[in-house]
Amino acid sequence: MSVNYSHCLVYVTAADAEEARLIGRAMVEARLAACANVFPQMVPIFLWEGEIGEGSESVVIMKTTRERAEELIAAVEAMHSYECPCAVILPLAGGSRAFLDWISHETVPQGDA
């Protein structure tokens, strides 16, 4: 089944709240995201290099368009401290038309506005 969506969330984990804030702010300033929400503390439990790990991370969730999502992920990867950062696209099946229109408006590249 093919999913057709125009807007998405990009979910990114970060080493701490400061890194999550820096990533979120940079993506909004670059107009790659209309908004970034930082969740300052979570406990990840994960497998890495054959070992179970547990630690502390932060999450940043960014609202963007399908057209800007890959560029946003590339920008996140370029500034992220992790060797293998979690940066995934979560398609939005729908939502408030006014909110989705706002995302579209705020993610237009500066020269195209």
PDB file of N, CA and C in Angstrom:
ATOM      1  N   MET A   1       0.835  -1.179   0.000  1.00  0.00           N
ATOM      2  CA  MET A   1       0.000   0.000   0.000  1.00  0.00           C
ATOM      3  C   MET A   1       0.887   1.253   0.000  1.00  0.00           C
ATOM      4  N   SER A   2       0.599   2.162  -0.861  1.00  0.00           N
ATOM      5  CA  SER A   2       1.342   3.413  -0.946  1.00  0.00           C
ATOM      6  C   SER A   2       0.652   4.468  -0.093  1.00  0.00           C
ATOM      7  N   VAL A   3       1.422   5.137   0.740  1.00  0.00           N
ATOM      8  CA  VAL A   3       0.881   6.207   1.581  1.00  0.00           C
ATOM      9  C   VAL A   3       1.228   7.531   0.924  1.00  0.00           C
ATOM     10  N   ASN A   4       0.219   8.328   0.715  1.00  0.00           N
ATOM     11  CA  ASN A   4       0.425   9.647   0.132  1.00  0.00           C
ATOM     12  C   ASN A   4       0.227  10.679   1.244  1.00  0.00           C
ATOM     13  N   TYR A   5       1.263  11.392   1.574  1.00  0.00           N
ATOM     14  CA  TYR A   5       1.171  12.385   2.633  1.00  0.00           C
ATOM     15  C   TYR A   5       1.921  13.631   2.197  1.00  0.00           C
ATOM     16  N   SER A   6       1.523  14.759   2.750  1.00  0.00           N
ATOM     17  CA  SER A   6       2.193  16.016   2.410  1.00  0.00           C
ATOM     18  C   SER A   6       2.972  16.600   3.582  1.00  0.00           C
ATOM     19  N   HIS A   7       2.656  16.153   4.794  1.00  0.00           N
ATOM     20  CA  HIS A   7       3.306  16.668   6.004  1.00  0.00           C
ATOM     21  C   HIS A   7       3.777  15.505   6.862  1.00  0.00           C
ATOM     22  N   CYS A   8       4.760  15.780   7.703  1.00  0.00           N
ATOM     23  CA  CYS A   8       5.291  14.718   8.549  1.00  0.00           C
ATOM     24  C   CYS A   8       5.921  15.301   9.803  1.00  0.00           C
ATOM     25  N   LEU A   9       6.187  14.409  10.726  1.00  0.00           N
ATOM     26  CA  LEU A   9       6.993  14.717  11.897  1.00  0.00           C
ATOM     27  C   LEU A   9       8.336  14.051  11.688  1.00  0.00           C
ATOM     28  N   VAL A  10       9.394  14.683  12.119  1.00  0.00           N
ATOM     29  CA  VAL A  10      10.710  14.050  12.111  1.00  0.00           C
ATOM     30  C   VAL A  10      11.112  13.899  13.566  1.00  0.00           C
ATOM     31  N   TYR A  11      11.285  12.645  13.961  1.00  0.00           N
ATOM     32  CA  TYR A  11      11.617  12.279  15.342  1.00  0.00           C
ATOM     33  C   TYR A  11      13.119  12.062  15.426  1.00  0.00           C
ATOM     34  N   VAL A  12      13.776  12.772  16.342  1.00  0.00           N
ATOM     35  CA  VAL A  12      15.224  12.690  16.490  1.00  0.00           C
ATOM     36  C   VAL A  12      15.556  12.555  17.973  1.00  0.00           C
ATOM     37  N   THR A  13      16.439  11.615  18.304  1.00  0.00           N
ATOM     38  CA  THR A  13      16.955  11.541  19.669  1.00  0.00           C
ATOM     39  C   THR A  13      18.296  12.259  19.711  1.00  0.00           C
ATOM     40  N   ALA A  14      18.608  12.800  20.879  1.00  0.00           N
ATOM     41  CA  ALA A  14      19.851  13.562  21.055  1.00  0.00           C
ATOM     42  C   ALA A  14      20.483  13.177  22.390  1.00  0.00           C
ATOM     43  N   ALA A  15      21.756  13.470  22.527  1.00  0.00           N
ATOM     44  CA  ALA A  15      22.510  13.112  23.731  1.00  0.00           C
ATOM     45  C   ALA A  15      21.957  13.785  24.984  1.00  0.00           C
ATOM     46  N   ASP A  16      21.452  15.011  24.825  1.00  0.00           N
ATOM     47  CA  ASP A  16      20.913  15.742  25.972  1.00  0.00           C
ATOM     48  C   ASP A  16      20.003  16.856  25.471  1.00  0.00           C
ATOM     49  N   ALA A  17      19.384  17.566  26.401  1.00  0.00           N
ATOM     50  CA  ALA A  17      18.428  18.611  26.049  1.00  0.00           C
ATOM     51  C   ALA A  17      19.087  19.748  25.276  1.00  0.00           C
ATOM     52  N   GLU A  18      20.321  20.070  25.603  1.00  0.00           N
ATOM     53  CA  GLU A  18      21.017  21.149  24.895  1.00  0.00           C
ATOM     54  C   GLU A  18      21.208  20.800  23.423  1.00  0.00           C
ATOM     55  N   GLU A  19      21.660  19.578  23.133  1.00  0.00           N
ATOM     56  CA  GLU A  19      21.811  19.175  21.734  1.00  0.00           C
ATOM     57  C   GLU A  19      20.458  19.161  21.024  1.00  0.00           C
ATOM     58  N   ALA A  20      19.421  18.679  21.690  1.00  0.00           N
ATOM     59  CA  ALA A  20      18.081  18.663  21.089  1.00  0.00           C
ATOM     60  C   ALA A  20      17.619  20.087  20.771  1.00  0.00           C
ATOM     61  N   ARG A  21      17.857  21.025  21.698  1.00  0.00           N
ATOM     62  CA  ARG A  21      17.499  22.430  21.469  1.00  0.00           C
ATOM     63  C   ARG A  21      18.278  23.017  20.287  1.00  0.00           C
ATOM     64  N   LEU A  22      19.574  22.749  20.246  1.00  0.00           N
ATOM     65  CA  LEU A  22      20.397  23.267  19.144  1.00  0.00           C
ATOM     66  C   LEU A  22      19.909  22.740  17.800  1.00  0.00           C
ATOM     67  N   ILE A  23      19.613  21.451  17.743  1.00  0.00           N
ATOM     68  CA  ILE A  23      19.110  20.853  16.504  1.00  0.00           C
ATOM     69  C   ILE A  23      17.773  21.481  16.126  1.00  0.00           C
ATOM     70  N   GLY A  24      16.849  21.537  17.073  1.00  0.00           N
ATOM     71  CA  GLY A  24      15.533  22.108  16.797  1.00  0.00           C
ATOM     72  C   GLY A  24      15.615  23.547  16.320  1.00  0.00           C
ATOM     73  N   ARG A  25      16.386  24.353  17.026  1.00  0.00           N
ATOM     74  CA  ARG A  25      16.528  25.767  16.648  1.00  0.00           C
ATOM     75  C   ARG A  25      17.143  25.913  15.256  1.00  0.00           C
ATOM     76  N   ALA A  26      18.181  25.123  14.970  1.00  0.00           N
ATOM     77  CA  ALA A  26      18.842  25.212  13.660  1.00  0.00           C
ATOM     78  C   ALA A  26      17.884  24.832  12.538  1.00  0.00           C
ATOM     79  N   MET A  27      17.051  23.829  12.753  1.00  0.00           N
ATOM     80  CA  MET A  27      16.132  23.397  11.703  1.00  0.00           C
ATOM     81  C   MET A  27      15.021  24.420  11.473  1.00  0.00           C
ATOM     82  N   VAL A  28      14.548  25.061  12.546  1.00  0.00           N
ATOM     83  CA  VAL A  28      13.535  26.107  12.394  1.00  0.00           C
ATOM     84  C   VAL A  28      14.157  27.336  11.735  1.00  0.00           C
ATOM     85  N   GLU A  29      15.360  27.734  12.160  1.00  0.00           N
ATOM     86  CA  GLU A  29      16.029  28.894  11.550  1.00  0.00           C
ATOM     87  C   GLU A  29      16.279  28.675  10.066  1.00  0.00           C
ATOM     88  N   ALA A  30      16.581  27.442   9.678  1.00  0.00           N
ATOM     89  CA  ALA A  30      16.821  27.120   8.258  1.00  0.00           C
ATOM     90  C   ALA A  30      15.528  26.907   7.481  1.00  0.00           C
ATOM     91  N   ARG A  31      14.392  27.022   8.151  1.00  0.00           N
ATOM     92  CA  ARG A  31      13.061  26.811   7.572  1.00  0.00           C
ATOM     93  C   ARG A  31      12.878  25.379   7.063  1.00  0.00           C
ATOM     94  N   LEU A  32      13.648  24.464   7.625  1.00  0.00           N
ATOM     95  CA  LEU A  32      13.463  23.045   7.314  1.00  0.00           C
ATOM     96  C   LEU A  32      12.344  22.466   8.169  1.00  0.00           C
ATOM     97  N   ALA A  33      12.036  23.115   9.280  1.00  0.00           N
ATOM     98  CA  ALA A  33      10.931  22.734  10.157  1.00  0.00           C
ATOM     99  C   ALA A  33      10.182  23.992  10.560  1.00  0.00           C
ATOM    100  N   ALA A  34       8.879  23.856  10.724  1.00  0.00           N
ATOM    101  CA  ALA A  34       8.070  24.989  11.182  1.00  0.00           C
ATOM    102  C   ALA A  34       8.133  25.115  12.694  1.00  0.00           C
ATOM    103  N   CYS A  35       8.377  24.003  13.364  1.00  0.00           N
ATOM    104  CA  CYS A  35       8.342  23.966  14.821  1.00  0.00           C
ATOM    105  C   CYS A  35       9.163  22.776  15.297  1.00  0.00           C
ATOM    106  N   ALA A  36       9.733  22.900  16.468  1.00  0.00           N
ATOM    107  CA  ALA A  36      10.449  21.789  17.094  1.00  0.00           C
ATOM    108  C   ALA A  36      10.016  21.708  18.548  1.00  0.00           C
ATOM    109  N   ASN A  37       9.657  20.521  18.983  1.00  0.00           N
ATOM    110  CA  ASN A  37       9.306  20.276  20.383  1.00  0.00           C
ATOM    111  C   ASN A  37      10.397  19.436  21.014  1.00  0.00           C
ATOM    112  N   VAL A  38      10.944  19.920  22.123  1.00  0.00           N
ATOM    113  CA  VAL A  38      12.010  19.202  22.816  1.00  0.00           C
ATOM    114  C   VAL A  38      11.439  18.554  24.080  1.00  0.00           C
ATOM    115  N   PHE A  39      11.645  17.259  24.179  1.00  0.00           N
ATOM    116  CA  PHE A  39      11.328  16.511  25.389  1.00  0.00           C
ATOM    117  C   PHE A  39      12.676  16.274  26.070  1.00  0.00           C
ATOM    118  N   PRO A  40      12.940  16.943  27.177  1.00  0.00           N
ATOM    119  CA  PRO A  40      14.294  16.981  27.710  1.00  0.00           C
ATOM    120  C   PRO A  40      14.841  15.694  28.307  1.00  0.00           C
ATOM    121  N   GLN A  41      13.984  14.759  28.684  1.00  0.00           N
ATOM    122  CA  GLN A  41      14.548  13.575  29.333  1.00  0.00           C
ATOM    123  C   GLN A  41      13.734  12.327  29.027  1.00  0.00           C
ATOM    124  N   MET A  42      14.443  11.287  28.597  1.00  0.00           N
ATOM    125  CA  MET A  42      13.856   9.968  28.430  1.00  0.00           C
ATOM    126  C   MET A  42      14.943   8.940  28.706  1.00  0.00           C
ATOM    127  N   VAL A  43      14.537   7.714  28.929  1.00  0.00           N
ATOM    128  CA  VAL A  43      15.481   6.636  29.194  1.00  0.00           C
ATOM    129  C   VAL A  43      15.455   5.673  28.005  1.00  0.00           C
ATOM    130  N   PRO A  44      16.509   5.651  27.201  1.00  0.00           N
ATOM    131  CA  PRO A  44      16.572   4.682  26.109  1.00  0.00           C
ATOM    132  C   PRO A  44      17.139   3.348  26.600  1.00  0.00           C
ATOM    133  N   ILE A  45      16.558   2.278  26.119  1.00  0.00           N
ATOM    134  CA  ILE A  45      17.086   0.927  26.343  1.00  0.00           C
ATOM    135  C   ILE A  45      17.304   0.370  24.948  1.00  0.00           C
ATOM    136  N   PHE A  46      18.534  -0.027  24.632  1.00  0.00           N
ATOM    137  CA  PHE A  46      18.877  -0.316  23.245  1.00  0.00           C
ATOM    138  C   PHE A  46      19.953  -1.391  23.120  1.00  0.00           C
ATOM    139  N   LEU A  47      20.017  -1.954  21.921  1.00  0.00           N
ATOM    140  CA  LEU A  47      21.120  -2.840  21.559  1.00  0.00           C
ATOM    141  C   LEU A  47      22.108  -2.045  20.721  1.00  0.00           C
ATOM    142  N   TRP A  48      23.370  -2.079  21.087  1.00  0.00           N
ATOM    143  CA  TRP A  48      24.418  -1.396  20.325  1.00  0.00           C
ATOM    144  C   TRP A  48      25.669  -2.259  20.397  1.00  0.00           C
ATOM    145  N   GLU A  49      26.141  -2.652  19.229  1.00  0.00           N
ATOM    146  CA  GLU A  49      27.341  -3.479  19.112  1.00  0.00           C
ATOM    147  C   GLU A  49      27.249  -4.733  19.996  1.00  0.00           C
ATOM    148  N   GLY A  50      26.067  -5.366  19.965  1.00  0.00           N
ATOM    149  CA  GLY A  50      25.856  -6.630  20.653  1.00  0.00           C
ATOM    150  C   GLY A  50      25.590  -6.546  22.142  1.00  0.00           C
ATOM    151  N   GLU A  51      25.513  -5.352  22.683  1.00  0.00           N
ATOM    152  CA  GLU A  51      25.298  -5.167  24.123  1.00  0.00           C
ATOM    153  C   GLU A  51      24.001  -4.394  24.359  1.00  0.00           C
ATOM    154  N   ILE A  52      23.312  -4.722  25.446  1.00  0.00           N
ATOM    155  CA  ILE A  52      22.155  -3.941  25.848  1.00  0.00           C
ATOM    156  C   ILE A  52      22.651  -2.746  26.648  1.00  0.00           C
ATOM    157  N   GLY A  53      22.203  -1.586  26.246  1.00  0.00           N
ATOM    158  CA  GLY A  53      22.577  -0.352  26.929  1.00  0.00           C
ATOM    159  C   GLY A  53      21.358   0.365  27.461  1.00  0.00           C
ATOM    160  N   GLU A  54      21.586   1.239  28.404  1.00  0.00           N
ATOM    161  CA  GLU A  54      20.540   2.077  28.972  1.00  0.00           C
ATOM    162  C   GLU A  54      21.196   3.395  29.332  1.00  0.00           C
ATOM    163  N   GLY A  55      20.492   4.470  29.118  1.00  0.00           N
ATOM    164  CA  GLY A  55      21.113   5.751  29.398  1.00  0.00           C
ATOM    165  C   GLY A  55      20.098   6.854  29.582  1.00  0.00           C
ATOM    166  N   SER A  56      20.456   8.025  29.112  1.00  0.00           N
ATOM    167  CA  SER A  56      19.606   9.198  29.184  1.00  0.00           C
ATOM    168  C   SER A  56      19.736   9.943  27.866  1.00  0.00           C
ATOM    169  N   GLU A  57      18.623  10.333  27.291  1.00  0.00           N
ATOM    170  CA  GLU A  57      18.611  11.090  26.041  1.00  0.00           C
ATOM    171  C   GLU A  57      17.497  12.117  26.092  1.00  0.00           C
ATOM    172  N   SER A  58      17.474  12.949  25.086  1.00  0.00           N
ATOM    173  CA  SER A  58      16.380  13.885  24.859  1.00  0.00           C
ATOM    174  C   SER A  58      15.827  13.616  23.474  1.00  0.00           C
ATOM    175  N   VAL A  59      14.623  14.100  23.235  1.00  0.00           N
ATOM    176  CA  VAL A  59      13.959  13.917  21.947  1.00  0.00           C
ATOM    177  C   VAL A  59      13.572  15.283  21.414  1.00  0.00           C
ATOM    178  N   VAL A  60      13.717  15.460  20.108  1.00  0.00           N
ATOM    179  CA  VAL A  60      13.167  16.629  19.438  1.00  0.00           C
ATOM    180  C   VAL A  60      12.288  16.116  18.302  1.00  0.00           C
ATOM    181  N   ILE A  61      11.064  16.613  18.269  1.00  0.00           N
ATOM    182  CA  ILE A  61      10.111  16.266  17.212  1.00  0.00           C
ATOM    183  C   ILE A  61       9.854  17.532  16.419  1.00  0.00           C
ATOM    184  N   MET A  62      10.093  17.437  15.107  1.00  0.00           N
ATOM    185  CA  MET A  62       9.954  18.600  14.245  1.00  0.00           C
ATOM    186  C   MET A  62       8.833  18.401  13.239  1.00  0.00           C
ATOM    187  N   LYS A  63       8.093  19.474  12.981  1.00  0.00           N
ATOM    188  CA  LYS A  63       7.003  19.443  12.011  1.00  0.00           C
ATOM    189  C   LYS A  63       7.497  20.032  10.713  1.00  0.00           C
ATOM    190  N   THR A  64       7.288  19.286   9.612  1.00  0.00           N
ATOM    191  CA  THR A  64       7.774  19.745   8.320  1.00  0.00           C
ATOM    192  C   THR A  64       6.910  19.168   7.209  1.00  0.00           C
ATOM    193  N   THR A  65       7.332  19.414   5.975  1.00  0.00           N
ATOM    194  CA  THR A  65       6.649  18.860   4.809  1.00  0.00           C
ATOM    195  C   THR A  65       7.453  17.689   4.260  1.00  0.00           C
ATOM    196  N   ARG A  66       6.780  16.864   3.506  1.00  0.00           N
ATOM    197  CA  ARG A  66       7.459  15.734   2.873  1.00  0.00           C
ATOM    198  C   ARG A  66       8.621  16.237   2.020  1.00  0.00           C
ATOM    199  N   GLU A  67       8.420  17.346   1.322  1.00  0.00           N
ATOM    200  CA  GLU A  67       9.456  17.884   0.433  1.00  0.00           C
ATOM    201  C   GLU A  67      10.714  18.319   1.183  1.00  0.00           C
ATOM    202  N   ARG A  68      10.590  18.738   2.427  1.00  0.00           N
ATOM    203  CA  ARG A  68      11.735  19.251   3.197  1.00  0.00           C
ATOM    204  C   ARG A  68      12.346  18.201   4.122  1.00  0.00           C
ATOM    205  N   ALA A  69      11.676  17.063   4.298  1.00  0.00           N
ATOM    206  CA  ALA A  69      12.084  16.085   5.316  1.00  0.00           C
ATOM    207  C   ALA A  69      13.480  15.500   5.076  1.00  0.00           C
ATOM    208  N   GLU A  70      13.803  15.110   3.871  1.00  0.00           N
ATOM    209  CA  GLU A  70      15.122  14.506   3.613  1.00  0.00           C
ATOM    210  C   GLU A  70      16.241  15.517   3.833  1.00  0.00           C
ATOM    211  N   GLU A  71      16.022  16.761   3.423  1.00  0.00           N
ATOM    212  CA  GLU A  71      17.027  17.808   3.642  1.00  0.00           C
ATOM    213  C   GLU A  71      17.185  18.076   5.140  1.00  0.00           C
ATOM    214  N   LEU A  72      16.075  18.048   5.872  1.00  0.00           N
ATOM    215  CA  LEU A  72      16.120  18.223   7.322  1.00  0.00           C
ATOM    216  C   LEU A  72      16.951  17.115   7.959  1.00  0.00           C
ATOM    217  N   ILE A  73      16.708  15.868   7.568  1.00  0.00           N
ATOM    218  CA  ILE A  73      17.464  14.746   8.141  1.00  0.00           C
ATOM    219  C   ILE A  73      18.947  14.868   7.813  1.00  0.00           C
ATOM    220  N   ALA A  74      19.279  15.254   6.596  1.00  0.00           N
ATOM    221  CA  ALA A  74      20.691  15.432   6.234  1.00  0.00           C
ATOM    222  C   ALA A  74      21.341  16.516   7.098  1.00  0.00           C
ATOM    223  N   ALA A  75      20.613  17.599   7.356  1.00  0.00           N
ATOM    224  CA  ALA A  75      21.146  18.677   8.196  1.00  0.00           C
ATOM    225  C   ALA A  75      21.315  18.212   9.644  1.00  0.00           C
ATOM    226  N   VAL A  76      20.373  17.420  10.138  1.00  0.00           N
ATOM    227  CA  VAL A  76      20.491  16.868  11.490  1.00  0.00           C
ATOM    228  C   VAL A  76      21.724  15.978  11.579  1.00  0.00           C
ATOM    229  N   GLU A  77      21.886  15.086  10.619  1.00  0.00           N
ATOM    230  CA  GLU A  77      23.035  14.175  10.633  1.00  0.00           C
ATOM    231  C   GLU A  77      24.356  14.931  10.595  1.00  0.00           C
ATOM    232  N   ALA A  78      24.397  16.046   9.880  1.00  0.00           N
ATOM    233  CA  ALA A  78      25.631  16.830   9.768  1.00  0.00           C
ATOM    234  C   ALA A  78      26.035  17.475  11.099  1.00  0.00           C
ATOM    235  N   MET A  79      25.063  17.756  11.964  1.00  0.00           N
ATOM    236  CA  MET A  79      25.404  18.437  13.216  1.00  0.00           C
ATOM    237  C   MET A  79      25.281  17.552  14.449  1.00  0.00           C
ATOM    238  N   HIS A  80      24.832  16.328  14.287  1.00  0.00           N
ATOM    239  CA  HIS A  80      24.556  15.444  15.421  1.00  0.00           C
ATOM    240  C   HIS A  80      25.833  14.857  16.007  1.00  0.00           C
ATOM    241  N   SER A  81      25.839  14.612  17.313  1.00  0.00           N
ATOM    242  CA  SER A  81      27.016  14.061  17.983  1.00  0.00           C
ATOM    243  C   SER A  81      27.116  12.543  17.856  1.00  0.00           C
ATOM    244  N   TYR A  82      26.026  11.872  17.492  1.00  0.00           N
ATOM    245  CA  TYR A  82      26.042  10.410  17.421  1.00  0.00           C
ATOM    246  C   TYR A  82      26.605   9.910  16.099  1.00  0.00           C
ATOM    247  N   GLU A  83      27.254   8.767  16.163  1.00  0.00           N
ATOM    248  CA  GLU A  83      27.735   8.073  14.966  1.00  0.00           C
ATOM    249  C   GLU A  83      26.552   7.601  14.117  1.00  0.00           C
ATOM    250  N   CYS A  84      25.476   7.184  14.765  1.00  0.00           N
ATOM    251  CA  CYS A  84      24.298   6.636  14.094  1.00  0.00           C
ATOM    252  C   CYS A  84      23.043   7.259  14.717  1.00  0.00           C
ATOM    253  N   PRO A  85      22.752   8.525  14.381  1.00  0.00           N
ATOM    254  CA  PRO A  85      21.616   9.179  15.034  1.00  0.00           C
ATOM    255  C   PRO A  85      20.271   8.622  14.575  1.00  0.00           C
ATOM    256  N   CYS A  86      19.331   8.584  15.502  1.00  0.00           N
ATOM    257  CA  CYS A  86      17.945   8.260  15.165  1.00  0.00           C
ATOM    258  C   CYS A  86      17.323   9.520  14.588  1.00  0.00           C
ATOM    259  N   ALA A  87      16.950   9.473  13.329  1.00  0.00           N
ATOM    260  CA  ALA A  87      16.245  10.567  12.670  1.00  0.00           C
ATOM    261  C   ALA A  87      15.295   9.909  11.682  1.00  0.00           C
ATOM    262  N   VAL A  88      14.009   9.854  12.045  1.00  0.00           N
ATOM    263  CA  VAL A  88      13.039   9.131  11.227  1.00  0.00           C
ATOM    264  C   VAL A  88      11.847  10.010  10.891  1.00  0.00           C
ATOM    265  N   ILE A  89      11.266   9.724   9.739  1.00  0.00           N
ATOM    266  CA  ILE A  89      10.108  10.461   9.242  1.00  0.00           C
ATOM    267  C   ILE A  89       8.845   9.701   9.625  1.00  0.00           C
ATOM    268  N   LEU A  90       7.914  10.413  10.238  1.00  0.00           N
ATOM    269  CA  LEU A  90       6.614   9.854  10.604  1.00  0.00           C
ATOM    270  C   LEU A  90       5.545  10.595   9.797  1.00  0.00           C
ATOM    271  N   PRO A  91       5.028   9.978   8.732  1.00  0.00           N
ATOM    272  CA  PRO A  91       4.027  10.648   7.896  1.00  0.00           C
ATOM    273  C   PRO A  91       2.764  10.986   8.687  1.00  0.00           C
ATOM    274  N   LEU A  92       2.183  12.121   8.385  1.00  0.00           N
ATOM    275  CA  LEU A  92       0.910  12.518   8.977  1.00  0.00           C
ATOM    276  C   LEU A  92      -0.201  12.180   7.985  1.00  0.00           C
ATOM    277  N   ALA A  93      -1.147  11.395   8.422  1.00  0.00           N
ATOM    278  CA  ALA A  93      -2.264  10.994   7.558  1.00  0.00           C
ATOM    279  C   ALA A  93      -3.280  12.111   7.408  1.00  0.00           C
ATOM    280  N   GLY A  94      -3.230  13.105   8.273  1.00  0.00           N
ATOM    281  CA  GLY A  94      -4.175  14.211   8.212  1.00  0.00           C
ATOM    282  C   GLY A  94      -4.004  15.085   9.428  1.00  0.00           C
ATOM    283  N   GLY A  95      -4.927  16.017   9.588  1.00  0.00           N
ATOM    284  CA  GLY A  95      -4.881  16.908  10.735  1.00  0.00           C
ATOM    285  C   GLY A  95      -5.617  18.197  10.446  1.00  0.00           C
ATOM    286  N   SER A  96      -5.488  19.121  11.350  1.00  0.00           N
ATOM    287  CA  SER A  96      -6.116  20.428  11.191  1.00  0.00           C
ATOM    288  C   SER A  96      -5.572  21.098   9.938  1.00  0.00           C
ATOM    289  N   ARG A  97      -6.448  21.458   9.015  1.00  0.00           N
ATOM    290  CA  ARG A  97      -6.018  22.083   7.753  1.00  0.00           C
ATOM    291  C   ARG A  97      -5.247  23.356   8.041  1.00  0.00           C
ATOM    292  N   ALA A  98      -5.703  24.168   8.996  1.00  0.00           N
ATOM    293  CA  ALA A  98      -5.013  25.419   9.312  1.00  0.00           C
ATOM    294  C   ALA A  98      -3.595  25.135   9.815  1.00  0.00           C
ATOM    295  N   PHE A  99      -3.444  24.110  10.643  1.00  0.00           N
ATOM    296  CA  PHE A  99      -2.120  23.762  11.164  1.00  0.00           C
ATOM    297  C   PHE A  99      -1.204  23.258  10.055  1.00  0.00           C
ATOM    298  N   LEU A 100      -1.710  22.381   9.199  1.00  0.00           N
ATOM    299  CA  LEU A 100      -0.904  21.855   8.093  1.00  0.00           C
ATOM    300  C   LEU A 100      -0.519  22.965   7.118  1.00  0.00           C
ATOM    301  N   ASP A 101      -1.436  23.888   6.868  1.00  0.00           N
ATOM    302  CA  ASP A 101      -1.118  25.033   6.006  1.00  0.00           C
ATOM    303  C   ASP A 101      -0.026  25.895   6.631  1.00  0.00           C
ATOM    304  N   TRP A 102      -0.069  26.063   7.956  1.00  0.00           N
ATOM    305  CA  TRP A 102       0.968  26.832   8.657  1.00  0.00           C
ATOM    306  C   TRP A 102       2.334  26.167   8.485  1.00  0.00           C
ATOM    307  N   ILE A 103       2.396  24.844   8.639  1.00  0.00           N
ATOM    308  CA  ILE A 103       3.655  24.121   8.420  1.00  0.00           C
ATOM    309  C   ILE A 103       4.169  24.394   7.014  1.00  0.00           C
ATOM    310  N   SER A 104       3.294  24.266   6.024  1.00  0.00           N
ATOM    311  CA  SER A 104       3.696  24.512   4.626  1.00  0.00           C
ATOM    312  C   SER A 104       4.241  25.922   4.452  1.00  0.00           C
ATOM    313  N   HIS A 105       3.556  26.899   5.014  1.00  0.00           N
ATOM    314  CA  HIS A 105       3.977  28.289   4.873  1.00  0.00           C
ATOM    315  C   HIS A 105       5.337  28.542   5.520  1.00  0.00           C
ATOM    316  N   GLU A 106       5.550  27.998   6.705  1.00  0.00           N
ATOM    317  CA  GLU A 106       6.778  28.274   7.456  1.00  0.00           C
ATOM    318  C   GLU A 106       7.999  27.503   6.954  1.00  0.00           C
ATOM    319  N   THR A 107       7.808  26.518   6.104  1.00  0.00           N
ATOM    320  CA  THR A 107       8.944  25.744   5.604  1.00  0.00           C
ATOM    321  C   THR A 107       9.292  26.069   4.160  1.00  0.00           C
ATOM    322  N   VAL A 108       8.738  27.136   3.639  1.00  0.00           N
ATOM    323  CA  VAL A 108       9.119  27.584   2.301  1.00  0.00           C
ATOM    324  C   VAL A 108      10.530  28.170   2.408  1.00  0.00           C
ATOM    325  N   PRO A 109      11.468  27.735   1.558  1.00  0.00           N
ATOM    326  CA  PRO A 109      12.818  28.307   1.609  1.00  0.00           C
ATOM    327  C   PRO A 109      12.786  29.816   1.470  1.00  0.00           C
ATOM    328  N   GLN A 110      13.678  30.514   2.149  1.00  0.00           N
ATOM    329  CA  GLN A 110      13.693  31.984   2.204  1.00  0.00           C
ATOM    330  C   GLN A 110      13.575  32.647   0.838  1.00  0.00           C
ATOM    331  N   GLY A 111      14.313  32.198  -0.136  1.00  0.00           N
ATOM    332  CA  GLY A 111      14.287  32.828  -1.457  1.00  0.00           C
ATOM    333  C   GLY A 111      13.003  32.587  -2.221  1.00  0.00           C
ATOM    334  N   ASP A 112      12.200  31.609  -1.785  1.00  0.00           N
ATOM    335  CA  ASP A 112      10.965  31.255  -2.497  1.00  0.00           C
ATOM    336  C   ASP A 112       9.723  31.895  -1.886  1.00  0.00           C
ATOM    337  N   ALA A 113       9.880  32.551  -0.738  1.00  0.00           N
ATOM    338  CA  ALA A 113       8.698  33.074  -0.017  1.00  0.00           C
ATOM    339  C   ALA A 113       8.115  34.280  -0.722  1.00  0.00           C
TER     340      ALA A 113
END
